[in-house]
Amino acid sequence: MPSKSFRRSLVAAAVAAAAAAGVVHAADSLRSAAPKPVLRLQLAASNNPIGSKGQTLGLSKVIIPGHTALALHHHPGTQVAYIVSGTLTYTVKSGSVAVMKGAAAPGSAKLVLRIRAGQTGVIHAGEWIVEEPTTIHAGANKTSKPVVVYLATLFPIGSPAAIANQ
């Protein structure tokens, strides 16, 4: 039969191993719970389109993973955002946006919701908004499924896609 001190050492080692395993498991859980980065894919762009000298007309696809928040920001030019799939929670700090549904042809689109400064609204698949440079806003995907957005942008050549705000 092992001595008392050997049994105590064995128990202490087992407790230490279990504690270490718990720490490793907790760290693994934190790593797996960390949100994935937002993916922005530039699909097409043209500098200096007719009527917009000094501007880039762009088309992008953005994928916002589940449970991911976008920091407060604004855009350096005008941007049309069309939600292809998912649900985007959208908060306006300054300015406002009209959430629309339907074709952009005159008289074809319908106002779904207006999100004003200090308000939060939900934008669903098939709905779209126009963001002006004065609209300071944040977005969030509060679901587990990704939100996919197509963006048409008209920004000054070389400008960033978004500018952080406080």
Protein backbone atom coordinates (compact mmCIF):
# COMPACT_ATOMS: atom_id res chain seq x y z
CA MET A 1 0.00 0.00 0.00
CA PRO A 2 1.38 3.45 -0.94
CA SER A 3 2.45 5.76 1.89
CA LYS A 4 0.26 8.67 3.04
CA SER A 5 2.63 11.23 1.58
CA PHE A 6 2.63 9.42 -1.80
CA ARG A 7 -1.20 9.34 -1.79
CA ARG A 8 -1.31 13.07 -0.90
CA SER A 9 1.12 13.84 -3.76
CA LEU A 10 -1.00 11.74 -6.12
CA VAL A 11 -4.19 13.56 -5.05
CA ALA A 12 -2.46 16.95 -5.33
CA ALA A 13 -1.23 16.08 -8.83
CA ALA A 14 -4.72 14.92 -9.86
CA VAL A 15 -6.28 18.14 -8.53
CA ALA A 16 -3.64 20.24 -10.31
CA ALA A 17 -4.21 18.34 -13.57
CA ALA A 18 -7.98 18.77 -13.29
CA ALA A 19 -7.59 22.49 -12.57
CA ALA A 20 -5.21 22.90 -15.52
CA ALA A 21 -7.63 21.03 -17.78
CA GLY A 22 -10.42 23.33 -16.61
CA VAL A 23 -8.33 26.41 -17.42
CA VAL A 24 -7.44 25.02 -20.85
CA HIS A 25 -11.10 24.13 -21.49
CA ALA A 26 -12.19 27.62 -20.41
CA ALA A 27 -9.57 29.19 -22.68
CA ASP A 28 -10.70 26.97 -25.56
CA SER A 29 -14.31 28.03 -24.91
CA LEU A 30 -13.32 31.69 -25.00
CA ARG A 31 -11.38 31.22 -28.23
CA SER A 32 -14.27 29.44 -29.93
CA ALA A 33 -16.76 32.05 -28.66
CA ALA A 34 -14.77 34.98 -30.10
CA PRO A 35 -16.68 36.53 -33.00
CA LYS A 36 -15.33 36.00 -36.48
CA PRO A 37 -14.23 39.11 -38.36
CA VAL A 38 -16.56 40.92 -40.73
CA LEU A 39 -15.68 40.04 -44.32
CA ARG A 40 -15.82 42.80 -46.96
CA LEU A 41 -15.31 41.68 -50.56
CA GLN A 42 -14.76 44.31 -53.24
CA LEU A 43 -16.71 43.01 -56.25
CA ALA A 44 -16.28 45.91 -58.69
CA ALA A 45 -15.09 49.51 -58.76
CA SER A 46 -14.60 52.36 -61.20
CA ASN A 47 -12.75 55.62 -60.58
CA ASN A 48 -14.06 58.88 -62.01
CA PRO A 49 -17.40 57.63 -63.37
CA ILE A 50 -19.19 60.17 -65.57
CA GLY A 51 -20.65 62.88 -63.36
CA SER A 52 -18.55 61.94 -60.32
CA LYS A 53 -14.99 63.11 -60.92
CA GLY A 54 -12.71 62.29 -57.99
CA GLN A 55 -15.02 59.52 -56.81
CA THR A 56 -14.94 55.71 -56.86
CA LEU A 57 -18.18 53.93 -57.68
CA GLY A 58 -17.99 50.55 -55.97
CA LEU A 59 -19.88 47.35 -55.39
CA SER A 60 -19.09 45.19 -52.36
CA LYS A 61 -20.41 42.19 -50.49
CA VAL A 62 -20.20 42.21 -46.69
CA ILE A 63 -20.70 39.17 -44.48
CA ILE A 64 -21.35 39.87 -40.80
CA PRO A 65 -20.98 36.69 -38.74
CA GLY A 66 -23.47 35.80 -36.03
CA HIS A 67 -23.24 37.64 -32.72
CA THR A 68 -21.00 40.38 -34.14
CA ALA A 69 -21.30 44.11 -33.53
CA LEU A 70 -20.02 46.86 -35.81
CA ALA A 71 -18.55 49.88 -34.02
CA LEU A 72 -20.07 53.34 -34.33
CA HIS A 73 -18.97 54.80 -37.69
CA HIS A 74 -19.89 56.80 -40.77
CA HIS A 75 -19.00 56.55 -44.46
CA PRO A 76 -17.03 59.13 -46.46
CA GLY A 77 -19.64 59.19 -49.24
CA THR A 78 -23.07 57.87 -50.09
CA GLN A 79 -23.73 54.16 -49.67
CA VAL A 80 -26.75 52.01 -50.54
CA ALA A 81 -26.96 48.87 -48.39
CA TYR A 82 -29.23 45.98 -49.46
CA ILE A 83 -29.74 43.13 -46.98
CA VAL A 84 -29.56 39.88 -48.96
CA SER A 85 -30.01 37.52 -46.01
CA GLY A 86 -30.23 37.71 -42.26
CA THR A 87 -31.40 40.45 -39.94
CA LEU A 88 -29.34 43.57 -39.16
CA THR A 89 -29.96 45.56 -35.99
CA TYR A 90 -29.14 49.17 -36.90
CA THR A 91 -28.62 52.07 -34.46
CA VAL A 92 -28.41 55.72 -35.52
CA LYS A 93 -26.54 58.22 -33.35
CA SER A 94 -26.74 61.18 -35.76
CA GLY A 95 -28.82 61.64 -38.89
CA SER A 96 -31.49 59.17 -40.01
CA VAL A 97 -32.13 56.41 -42.52
CA ALA A 98 -35.26 55.30 -44.32
CA VAL A 99 -35.61 51.53 -44.48
CA MET A 100 -37.13 50.68 -47.87
CA LYS A 101 -38.47 47.55 -49.53
CA GLY A 102 -38.99 46.94 -53.23
CA ALA A 103 -37.50 48.27 -56.43
CA ALA A 104 -35.83 51.65 -56.46
CA ALA A 105 -37.80 52.79 -59.53
CA PRO A 106 -39.80 55.94 -58.81
CA GLY A 107 -42.91 55.04 -56.84
CA SER A 108 -42.03 51.35 -56.57
CA ALA A 109 -40.19 51.24 -53.24
CA LYS A 110 -42.15 51.39 -49.99
CA LEU A 111 -41.04 52.96 -46.72
CA VAL A 112 -40.87 50.26 -44.05
CA LEU A 113 -39.34 52.21 -41.19
CA ARG A 114 -37.46 55.43 -40.46
CA ILE A 115 -34.62 55.14 -37.94
CA ARG A 116 -33.77 58.52 -36.45
CA ALA A 117 -30.97 59.72 -34.15
CA GLY A 118 -31.11 57.84 -30.85
CA GLN A 119 -33.20 55.00 -32.28
CA THR A 120 -32.52 51.37 -33.15
CA GLY A 121 -34.40 49.38 -35.76
CA VAL A 122 -34.22 46.03 -37.47
CA ILE A 123 -33.53 45.70 -41.20
CA HIS A 124 -34.61 42.40 -42.77
CA ALA A 125 -33.61 40.55 -45.94
CA GLY A 126 -35.02 42.30 -49.00
CA GLU A 127 -34.87 45.74 -47.38
CA TRP A 128 -32.38 48.53 -48.11
CA ILE A 129 -31.18 51.89 -46.87
CA VAL A 130 -29.22 54.87 -48.18
CA GLU A 131 -26.47 56.05 -45.82
CA GLU A 132 -25.20 59.60 -46.20
CA PRO A 133 -21.83 60.79 -44.82
CA THR A 134 -23.67 62.61 -41.99
CA THR A 135 -25.32 59.40 -40.75
CA ILE A 136 -23.34 58.15 -37.75
CA HIS A 137 -24.47 54.64 -36.99
CA ALA A 138 -23.63 51.15 -35.73
CA GLY A 139 -24.86 47.73 -36.71
CA ALA A 140 -25.12 44.34 -35.09
CA ASN A 141 -25.98 40.79 -36.02
CA LYS A 142 -27.72 39.52 -32.91
CA THR A 143 -28.52 36.14 -34.45
CA SER A 144 -26.41 33.03 -35.01
CA LYS A 145 -26.74 33.18 -38.82
CA PRO A 146 -24.61 35.53 -40.93
CA VAL A 147 -25.99 38.74 -42.37
CA VAL A 148 -25.10 39.27 -46.03
CA VAL A 149 -25.21 42.82 -47.40
CA TYR A 150 -24.53 44.18 -50.89
CA LEU A 151 -23.18 47.74 -50.91
CA ALA A 152 -23.14 50.26 -53.74
CA THR A 153 -20.80 53.08 -52.78
CA LEU A 154 -19.78 56.45 -54.15
CA PHE A 155 -16.74 57.53 -52.12
CA PRO A 156 -13.81 59.90 -52.73
CA ILE A 157 -10.99 58.02 -54.48
CA GLY A 158 -8.72 56.32 -51.95
CA SER A 159 -10.98 56.90 -48.96
CA PRO A 160 -11.62 54.16 -46.39
CA ALA A 161 -14.87 52.20 -46.42
CA ALA A 162 -15.78 53.45 -42.95
CA ILE A 163 -14.56 56.02 -40.45
CA ALA A 164 -14.82 55.26 -36.70
CA ASN A 165 -16.75 57.61 -34.42
CA GLN A 166 -16.88 57.94 -30.65
